[in-house]
Amino acid sequence: MIDYFGEAIAATYDRNTAEQFAPELVTSTVDVLAELAGAGGALELGIGTGRIALPLAARGVPVHGIEFSAAMVERLREKPGGAEIGVTIGDFTSTRVDGDFALAYLVFNTIMNLTTQDAQVACFRAVAGQLAPGGCFVVEVMVPELRKLPAGQTVVPFGFGPERWAYSDYDPATQAVVCHYLDIAGGTHRSIPFRYVWPAELDLMARLAGLELRHRWADWERRPFTGESGQHVSVWAKADSGQGPGR
């Protein structure tokens, strides 16, 4: 597995994703996660530099992370409280840590870093195996932007400025998308592959893993999810019996 978030990306990650660090967004995210975790622990898949893990831990929720990029974890460790967060380096489709969790979560489109359907299914199964009975799995992810593609077009721009350009190149046949980032000032270009995934497809993955949908919101403020929503925050739960939902 290729590490697309090595030292060069980790060094500027917080600055380049500054909108994700907006206090109101972080607060609303942590509010939801802390409520779902209750008195239990939380497992963050793709913990990164600790944008959510650190304030969630500050709320009193024990947090452990799984992260593929050691460089991102180094940035987490440099922050106040970062040394106290447990992190396991590994692929979150298969990596297990000790204990069961009341909550597991994937935020900011991180489920799309798994570039095959098999890997995304494996992620759900791995999470289900780490959840305590009644525990929840939360995913925040964009809704695929295919409505922006007229016939014959595959490219959707999502960032333009005097220093950086960014665009996505979609393959509707495979649900693959490659995001291209051009640093005009530095004269560099990088590409990162993703796999977009539909809400109903995620629900089926959850069902295969023994999880059932409890909530789907348009954002962390819990606004209703509609056909016009550009993203969703979905919550699936493991049955209290530990045997999965029954009918």
C-alpha atoms as a PDB file:
ATOM      1  CA  MET A   1       0.000   0.000   0.000  1.00  0.00           C
ATOM      2  CA  ILE A   2       1.397   3.376  -1.022  1.00  0.00           C
ATOM      3  CA  ASP A   3       1.630   6.109   1.607  1.00  0.00           C
ATOM      4  CA  TYR A   4       0.206   9.191  -0.122  1.00  0.00           C
ATOM      5  CA  PHE A   5       0.439  11.228   3.079  1.00  0.00           C
ATOM      6  CA  GLY A   6       4.172  11.112   3.731  1.00  0.00           C
ATOM      7  CA  GLU A   7       6.456  13.840   5.021  1.00  0.00           C
ATOM      8  CA  ALA A   8       5.879  16.287   2.152  1.00  0.00           C
ATOM      9  CA  ILE A   9       2.094  16.230   2.717  1.00  0.00           C
ATOM     10  CA  ALA A  10       2.211  15.984   6.511  1.00  0.00           C
ATOM     11  CA  ALA A  11       4.385  19.095   6.765  1.00  0.00           C
ATOM     12  CA  THR A  12       1.665  21.314   5.285  1.00  0.00           C
ATOM     13  CA  TYR A  13      -1.461  19.243   5.899  1.00  0.00           C
ATOM     14  CA  ASP A  14      -2.994  21.383   8.645  1.00  0.00           C
ATOM     15  CA  ARG A  15      -2.412  24.583   6.695  1.00  0.00           C
ATOM     16  CA  ASN A  16      -3.758  23.200   3.432  1.00  0.00           C
ATOM     17  CA  THR A  17      -6.924  21.891   5.117  1.00  0.00           C
ATOM     18  CA  ALA A  18      -7.422  24.918   7.356  1.00  0.00           C
ATOM     19  CA  GLU A  19     -11.181  25.036   6.693  1.00  0.00           C
ATOM     20  CA  GLN A  20     -11.506  21.671   8.439  1.00  0.00           C
ATOM     21  CA  PHE A  21      -9.991  23.175  11.586  1.00  0.00           C
ATOM     22  CA  ALA A  22     -12.666  25.888  11.878  1.00  0.00           C
ATOM     23  CA  PRO A  23     -13.660  25.924  15.581  1.00  0.00           C
ATOM     24  CA  GLU A  24     -17.386  25.648  14.880  1.00  0.00           C
ATOM     25  CA  LEU A  25     -16.881  22.559  12.669  1.00  0.00           C
ATOM     26  CA  VAL A  26     -14.549  20.863  15.137  1.00  0.00           C
ATOM     27  CA  THR A  27     -16.907  21.600  18.028  1.00  0.00           C
ATOM     28  CA  SER A  28     -20.005  20.244  16.283  1.00  0.00           C
ATOM     29  CA  THR A  29     -18.086  17.123  15.195  1.00  0.00           C
ATOM     30  CA  VAL A  30     -16.790  16.448  18.693  1.00  0.00           C
ATOM     31  CA  ASP A  31     -20.232  17.111  20.200  1.00  0.00           C
ATOM     32  CA  VAL A  32     -21.731  14.270  18.144  1.00  0.00           C
ATOM     33  CA  LEU A  33     -18.848  11.864  18.707  1.00  0.00           C
ATOM     34  CA  ALA A  34     -18.650  12.479  22.448  1.00  0.00           C
ATOM     35  CA  GLU A  35     -22.384  11.862  22.792  1.00  0.00           C
ATOM     36  CA  LEU A  36     -22.139   8.581  20.879  1.00  0.00           C
ATOM     37  CA  ALA A  37     -19.068   7.423  22.802  1.00  0.00           C
ATOM     38  CA  GLY A  38     -20.711   8.044  26.171  1.00  0.00           C
ATOM     39  CA  ALA A  39     -18.530   6.548  28.879  1.00  0.00           C
ATOM     40  CA  GLY A  40     -16.678   4.292  26.425  1.00  0.00           C
ATOM     41  CA  GLY A  41     -13.585   4.630  24.279  1.00  0.00           C
ATOM     42  CA  ALA A  42     -13.295   5.745  20.668  1.00  0.00           C
ATOM     43  CA  LEU A  43     -11.278   4.386  17.757  1.00  0.00           C
ATOM     44  CA  GLU A  44     -10.366   6.827  14.981  1.00  0.00           C
ATOM     45  CA  LEU A  45      -9.439   5.341  11.628  1.00  0.00           C
ATOM     46  CA  GLY A  46      -7.049   7.673   9.847  1.00  0.00           C
ATOM     47  CA  ILE A  47      -6.280   9.760  12.935  1.00  0.00           C
ATOM     48  CA  GLY A  48      -3.891  11.971  10.977  1.00  0.00           C
ATOM     49  CA  THR A  49      -2.562  14.993  12.845  1.00  0.00           C
ATOM     50  CA  GLY A  50      -5.236  14.790  15.536  1.00  0.00           C
ATOM     51  CA  ARG A  51      -7.746  17.402  14.353  1.00  0.00           C
ATOM     52  CA  ILE A  52     -10.631  15.506  15.993  1.00  0.00           C
ATOM     53  CA  ALA A  53      -8.844  13.091  18.326  1.00  0.00           C
ATOM     54  CA  LEU A  54      -7.247  15.794  20.460  1.00  0.00           C
ATOM     55  CA  PRO A  55     -10.397  17.800  21.279  1.00  0.00           C
ATOM     56  CA  LEU A  56     -12.373  14.567  21.714  1.00  0.00           C
ATOM     57  CA  ALA A  57      -9.802  13.297  24.209  1.00  0.00           C
ATOM     58  CA  ALA A  58      -9.973  16.676  25.957  1.00  0.00           C
ATOM     59  CA  ARG A  59     -13.678  15.960  26.514  1.00  0.00           C
ATOM     60  CA  GLY A  60     -12.678  12.901  28.525  1.00  0.00           C
ATOM     61  CA  VAL A  61     -13.178  10.274  25.804  1.00  0.00           C
ATOM     62  CA  PRO A  62     -10.275   7.794  25.616  1.00  0.00           C
ATOM     63  CA  VAL A  63      -9.158   7.816  21.971  1.00  0.00           C
ATOM     64  CA  HIS A  64      -6.955   5.364  20.107  1.00  0.00           C
ATOM     65  CA  GLY A  65      -6.040   5.842  16.457  1.00  0.00           C
ATOM     66  CA  ILE A  66      -5.062   3.738  13.479  1.00  0.00           C
ATOM     67  CA  GLU A  67      -2.946   5.553  10.905  1.00  0.00           C
ATOM     68  CA  PHE A  68      -0.917   4.387   7.895  1.00  0.00           C
ATOM     69  CA  SER A  69       1.283   7.503   7.708  1.00  0.00           C
ATOM     70  CA  ALA A  70       3.988   7.747  10.359  1.00  0.00           C
ATOM     71  CA  ALA A  71       4.687  11.314   9.217  1.00  0.00           C
ATOM     72  CA  MET A  72       1.146  12.395  10.065  1.00  0.00           C
ATOM     73  CA  VAL A  73       1.448  10.784  13.495  1.00  0.00           C
ATOM     74  CA  GLU A  74       4.670  12.707  14.111  1.00  0.00           C
ATOM     75  CA  ARG A  75       2.686  15.947  13.642  1.00  0.00           C
ATOM     76  CA  LEU A  76       0.086  14.676  16.112  1.00  0.00           C
ATOM     77  CA  ARG A  77       2.812  13.954  18.660  1.00  0.00           C
ATOM     78  CA  GLU A  78       4.108  17.528  18.395  1.00  0.00           C
ATOM     79  CA  LYS A  79       0.790  18.999  19.567  1.00  0.00           C
ATOM     80  CA  PRO A  80      -0.262  19.494  23.202  1.00  0.00           C
ATOM     81  CA  GLY A  81      -1.748  16.222  24.414  1.00  0.00           C
ATOM     82  CA  GLY A  82      -0.614  14.356  21.305  1.00  0.00           C
ATOM     83  CA  ALA A  83       1.860  12.179  23.151  1.00  0.00           C
ATOM     84  CA  GLU A  84      -0.969  10.774  25.279  1.00  0.00           C
ATOM     85  CA  ILE A  85      -3.009   9.513  22.310  1.00  0.00           C
ATOM     86  CA  GLY A  86      -2.385   5.855  21.514  1.00  0.00           C
ATOM     87  CA  VAL A  87      -1.791   5.189  17.806  1.00  0.00           C
ATOM     88  CA  THR A  88      -1.272   1.939  15.946  1.00  0.00           C
ATOM     89  CA  ILE A  89       0.484   2.235  12.588  1.00  0.00           C
ATOM     90  CA  GLY A  90      -1.304   0.129  10.022  1.00  0.00           C
ATOM     91  CA  ASP A  91      -3.944  -0.319   7.350  1.00  0.00           C
ATOM     92  CA  PHE A  92      -7.395   0.173   8.847  1.00  0.00           C
ATOM     93  CA  THR A  93      -8.926  -2.578   6.711  1.00  0.00           C
ATOM     94  CA  SER A  94      -7.183  -5.200   8.834  1.00  0.00           C
ATOM     95  CA  THR A  95      -5.317  -3.671  11.775  1.00  0.00           C
ATOM     96  CA  ARG A  96      -6.735  -4.542  15.187  1.00  0.00           C
ATOM     97  CA  VAL A  97      -5.970  -2.996  18.552  1.00  0.00           C
ATOM     98  CA  ASP A  98      -6.581  -4.338  22.030  1.00  0.00           C
ATOM     99  CA  GLY A  99     -10.025  -3.958  23.535  1.00  0.00           C
ATOM    100  CA  ASP A 100     -13.508  -3.076  22.344  1.00  0.00           C
ATOM    101  CA  PHE A 101     -14.777   0.426  21.624  1.00  0.00           C
ATOM    102  CA  ALA A 102     -18.073   2.209  22.094  1.00  0.00           C
ATOM    103  CA  LEU A 103     -17.361   4.269  18.982  1.00  0.00           C
ATOM    104  CA  ALA A 104     -15.331   4.070  15.792  1.00  0.00           C
ATOM    105  CA  TYR A 105     -15.232   6.875  13.275  1.00  0.00           C
ATOM    106  CA  LEU A 106     -13.883   7.933   9.878  1.00  0.00           C
ATOM    107  CA  VAL A 107     -14.153  11.628   9.008  1.00  0.00           C
ATOM    108  CA  PHE A 108     -13.356  13.999   6.121  1.00  0.00           C
ATOM    109  CA  ASN A 109     -13.875  11.480   3.265  1.00  0.00           C
ATOM    110  CA  THR A 110     -11.245   9.084   4.634  1.00  0.00           C
ATOM    111  CA  ILE A 111     -13.296   6.015   3.649  1.00  0.00           C
ATOM    112  CA  MET A 112     -12.493   7.025   0.058  1.00  0.00           C
ATOM    113  CA  ASN A 113      -8.783   6.439   0.685  1.00  0.00           C
ATOM    114  CA  LEU A 114      -9.669   2.767   0.354  1.00  0.00           C
ATOM    115  CA  THR A 115      -9.611   2.461  -3.407  1.00  0.00           C
ATOM    116  CA  THR A 116     -11.538  -0.797  -3.937  1.00  0.00           C
ATOM    117  CA  GLN A 117     -14.962  -1.963  -2.865  1.00  0.00           C
ATOM    118  CA  ASP A 118     -13.379  -5.025  -1.259  1.00  0.00           C
ATOM    119  CA  ALA A 119     -11.196  -2.801   0.920  1.00  0.00           C
ATOM    120  CA  GLN A 120     -14.174  -0.688   1.991  1.00  0.00           C
ATOM    121  CA  VAL A 121     -16.152  -3.834   2.865  1.00  0.00           C
ATOM    122  CA  ALA A 122     -13.153  -5.118   4.834  1.00  0.00           C
ATOM    123  CA  CYS A 123     -13.029  -1.831   6.745  1.00  0.00           C
ATOM    124  CA  PHE A 124     -16.628  -2.242   7.913  1.00  0.00           C
ATOM    125  CA  ARG A 125     -15.963  -5.816   8.980  1.00  0.00           C
ATOM    126  CA  ALA A 126     -12.802  -4.819  10.846  1.00  0.00           C
ATOM    127  CA  VAL A 127     -14.662  -2.040  12.654  1.00  0.00           C
ATOM    128  CA  ALA A 128     -17.555  -4.327  13.589  1.00  0.00           C
ATOM    129  CA  GLY A 129     -15.036  -6.677  15.166  1.00  0.00           C
ATOM    130  CA  GLN A 130     -13.681  -3.856  17.343  1.00  0.00           C
ATOM    131  CA  LEU A 131     -17.038  -2.477  18.501  1.00  0.00           C
ATOM    132  CA  ALA A 132     -18.583  -3.420  21.807  1.00  0.00           C
ATOM    133  CA  PRO A 133     -22.233  -4.568  21.610  1.00  0.00           C
ATOM    134  CA  GLY A 134     -24.334  -1.459  20.965  1.00  0.00           C
ATOM    135  CA  GLY A 135     -21.284   0.447  19.698  1.00  0.00           C
ATOM    136  CA  CYS A 136     -21.490   2.869  16.764  1.00  0.00           C
ATOM    137  CA  PHE A 137     -19.522   3.419  13.569  1.00  0.00           C
ATOM    138  CA  VAL A 138     -19.631   6.963  12.147  1.00  0.00           C
ATOM    139  CA  VAL A 139     -18.560   7.944   8.625  1.00  0.00           C
ATOM    140  CA  GLU A 140     -18.435  11.468   7.212  1.00  0.00           C
ATOM    141  CA  VAL A 141     -18.076  11.427   3.425  1.00  0.00           C
ATOM    142  CA  MET A 142     -19.020  13.411   0.360  1.00  0.00           C
ATOM    143  CA  VAL A 143     -21.849  12.440  -1.954  1.00  0.00           C
ATOM    144  CA  PRO A 144     -20.345  11.616  -5.389  1.00  0.00           C
ATOM    145  CA  GLU A 145     -20.463  14.711  -7.590  1.00  0.00           C
ATOM    146  CA  LEU A 146     -21.556  12.975 -10.771  1.00  0.00           C
ATOM    147  CA  ARG A 147     -24.420  15.438 -11.257  1.00  0.00           C
ATOM    148  CA  LYS A 148     -21.709  17.961 -12.146  1.00  0.00           C
ATOM    149  CA  LEU A 149     -20.554  15.849 -15.102  1.00  0.00           C
ATOM    150  CA  PRO A 150     -22.220  16.439 -18.466  1.00  0.00           C
ATOM    151  CA  ALA A 151     -21.971  13.641 -21.009  1.00  0.00           C
ATOM    152  CA  GLY A 152     -18.394  13.024 -22.047  1.00  0.00           C
ATOM    153  CA  GLN A 153     -16.806  15.001 -19.205  1.00  0.00           C
ATOM    154  CA  THR A 154     -14.868  13.399 -16.357  1.00  0.00           C
ATOM    155  CA  VAL A 155     -13.211  16.364 -14.624  1.00  0.00           C
ATOM    156  CA  VAL A 156     -14.633  18.421 -11.734  1.00  0.00           C
ATOM    157  CA  PRO A 157     -12.538  21.340 -10.433  1.00  0.00           C
ATOM    158  CA  PHE A 158     -12.747  21.944  -6.690  1.00  0.00           C
ATOM    159  CA  GLY A 159     -10.013  24.437  -5.886  1.00  0.00           C
ATOM    160  CA  PHE A 160      -8.548  27.409  -7.716  1.00  0.00           C
ATOM    161  CA  GLY A 161      -6.335  30.216  -6.504  1.00  0.00           C
ATOM    162  CA  PRO A 162      -3.162  32.117  -7.340  1.00  0.00           C
ATOM    163  CA  GLU A 163      -0.990  29.471  -5.664  1.00  0.00           C
ATOM    164  CA  ARG A 164      -2.869  26.155  -6.002  1.00  0.00           C
ATOM    165  CA  TRP A 165      -5.279  24.417  -8.363  1.00  0.00           C
ATOM    166  CA  ALA A 166      -7.128  21.170  -7.690  1.00  0.00           C
ATOM    167  CA  TYR A 167      -9.474  18.980  -9.698  1.00  0.00           C
ATOM    168  CA  SER A 168     -10.969  15.482  -9.619  1.00  0.00           C
ATOM    169  CA  ASP A 169     -10.943  13.059 -12.541  1.00  0.00           C
ATOM    170  CA  TYR A 170     -13.821  10.548 -12.296  1.00  0.00           C
ATOM    171  CA  ASP A 171     -14.285   7.117 -13.834  1.00  0.00           C
ATOM    172  CA  PRO A 172     -18.030   6.359 -13.417  1.00  0.00           C
ATOM    173  CA  ALA A 173     -17.535   2.771 -14.593  1.00  0.00           C
ATOM    174  CA  THR A 174     -15.257   1.830 -11.675  1.00  0.00           C
ATOM    175  CA  GLN A 175     -16.134   4.554  -9.132  1.00  0.00           C
ATOM    176  CA  ALA A 176     -12.476   5.522  -9.157  1.00  0.00           C
ATOM    177  CA  VAL A 177     -11.519   9.155  -8.799  1.00  0.00           C
ATOM    178  CA  VAL A 178      -8.064  10.699  -8.906  1.00  0.00           C
ATOM    179  CA  CYS A 179      -7.581  14.075  -7.261  1.00  0.00           C
ATOM    180  CA  HIS A 180      -4.858  16.249  -8.745  1.00  0.00           C
ATOM    181  CA  TYR A 181      -3.206  19.038  -6.762  1.00  0.00           C
ATOM    182  CA  LEU A 182      -1.072  21.600  -8.576  1.00  0.00           C
ATOM    183  CA  ASP A 183       1.160  23.887  -6.547  1.00  0.00           C
ATOM    184  CA  ILE A 184       1.662  26.818  -8.913  1.00  0.00           C
ATOM    185  CA  ALA A 185       4.144  28.625  -6.695  1.00  0.00           C
ATOM    186  CA  GLY A 186       6.238  25.534  -6.052  1.00  0.00           C
ATOM    187  CA  GLY A 187       5.896  24.055  -9.507  1.00  0.00           C
ATOM    188  CA  THR A 188       4.821  20.648  -8.195  1.00  0.00           C
ATOM    189  CA  HIS A 189       1.971  18.266  -8.968  1.00  0.00           C
ATOM    190  CA  ARG A 190       0.674  15.308  -6.990  1.00  0.00           C
ATOM    191  CA  SER A 191      -2.150  12.880  -7.591  1.00  0.00           C
ATOM    192  CA  ILE A 192      -4.010  10.775  -5.031  1.00  0.00           C
ATOM    193  CA  PRO A 193      -6.419   7.953  -5.952  1.00  0.00           C
ATOM    194  CA  PHE A 194      -9.750   7.486  -4.162  1.00  0.00           C
ATOM    195  CA  ARG A 195     -12.921   5.462  -4.587  1.00  0.00           C
ATOM    196  CA  TYR A 196     -16.223   7.265  -4.246  1.00  0.00           C
ATOM    197  CA  VAL A 197     -19.056   5.409  -2.599  1.00  0.00           C
ATOM    198  CA  TRP A 198     -22.826   5.899  -2.454  1.00  0.00           C
ATOM    199  CA  PRO A 199     -24.831   6.094   0.797  1.00  0.00           C
ATOM    200  CA  ALA A 200     -26.874   2.994  -0.077  1.00  0.00           C
ATOM    201  CA  GLU A 201     -23.681   1.121  -0.896  1.00  0.00           C
ATOM    202  CA  LEU A 202     -22.291   1.981   2.543  1.00  0.00           C
ATOM    203  CA  ASP A 203     -25.524   0.751   4.128  1.00  0.00           C
ATOM    204  CA  LEU A 204     -25.078  -2.614   2.417  1.00  0.00           C
ATOM    205  CA  MET A 205     -21.457  -2.809   3.577  1.00  0.00           C
ATOM    206  CA  ALA A 206     -22.663  -2.096   7.098  1.00  0.00           C
ATOM    207  CA  ARG A 207     -25.339  -4.792   6.893  1.00  0.00           C
ATOM    208  CA  LEU A 208     -22.780  -7.348   5.706  1.00  0.00           C
ATOM    209  CA  ALA A 209     -20.737  -6.482   8.803  1.00  0.00           C
ATOM    210  CA  GLY A 210     -23.701  -6.857  11.168  1.00  0.00           C
ATOM    211  CA  LEU A 211     -24.370  -3.136  11.607  1.00  0.00           C
ATOM    212  CA  GLU A 212     -27.617  -1.262  11.047  1.00  0.00           C
ATOM    213  CA  LEU A 213     -28.223   2.373  10.148  1.00  0.00           C
ATOM    214  CA  ARG A 214     -29.316   4.556  13.044  1.00  0.00           C
ATOM    215  CA  HIS A 215     -28.858   8.095  11.693  1.00  0.00           C
ATOM    216  CA  ARG A 216     -27.961   9.915   8.487  1.00  0.00           C
ATOM    217  CA  TRP A 217     -27.505  13.670   8.578  1.00  0.00           C
ATOM    218  CA  ALA A 218     -26.340  16.246   6.060  1.00  0.00           C
ATOM    219  CA  ASP A 219     -23.686  17.551   8.467  1.00  0.00           C
ATOM    220  CA  TRP A 220     -22.483  17.524  12.054  1.00  0.00           C
ATOM    221  CA  GLU A 221     -25.241  19.957  13.003  1.00  0.00           C
ATOM    222  CA  ARG A 222     -27.622  17.028  12.303  1.00  0.00           C
ATOM    223  CA  ARG A 223     -29.508  18.792   9.542  1.00  0.00           C
ATOM    224  CA  PRO A 224     -31.713  16.463   7.458  1.00  0.00           C
ATOM    225  CA  PHE A 225     -30.024  14.586   4.622  1.00  0.00           C
ATOM    226  CA  THR A 226     -31.710  15.227   1.266  1.00  0.00           C
ATOM    227  CA  GLY A 227     -31.105  14.687  -2.419  1.00  0.00           C
ATOM    228  CA  GLU A 228     -29.347  18.060  -2.508  1.00  0.00           C
ATOM    229  CA  SER A 229     -26.889  17.294   0.304  1.00  0.00           C
ATOM    230  CA  GLY A 230     -23.243  17.376  -0.714  1.00  0.00           C
ATOM    231  CA  GLN A 231     -22.109  15.080   2.083  1.00  0.00           C
ATOM    232  CA  HIS A 232     -23.507  12.914   4.831  1.00  0.00           C
ATOM    233  CA  VAL A 233     -22.686  11.889   8.373  1.00  0.00           C
ATOM    234  CA  SER A 234     -23.958   8.349   8.873  1.00  0.00           C
ATOM    235  CA  VAL A 235     -24.165   6.320  12.082  1.00  0.00           C
ATOM    236  CA  TRP A 236     -24.452   2.530  12.093  1.00  0.00           C
ATOM    237  CA  ALA A 237     -24.794   0.508  15.286  1.00  0.00           C
ATOM    238  CA  LYS A 238     -23.860  -2.995  16.344  1.00  0.00           C
ATOM    239  CA  ALA A 239     -26.689  -4.963  17.885  1.00  0.00           C
ATOM    240  CA  ASP A 240     -26.637  -5.179  21.689  1.00  0.00           C
ATOM    241  CA  SER A 241     -26.463  -8.965  21.427  1.00  0.00           C
ATOM    242  CA  GLY A 242     -23.292  -8.742  19.341  1.00  0.00           C
ATOM    243  CA  GLN A 243     -24.964 -10.939  16.711  1.00  0.00           C
ATOM    244  CA  GLY A 244     -25.959  -8.202  14.276  1.00  0.00           C
ATOM    245  CA  PRO A 245     -29.403  -6.875  13.428  1.00  0.00           C
ATOM    246  CA  GLY A 246     -32.216  -9.373  13.135  1.00  0.00           C
ATOM    247  CA  ARG A 247     -35.548  -9.394  11.356  1.00  0.00           C
END
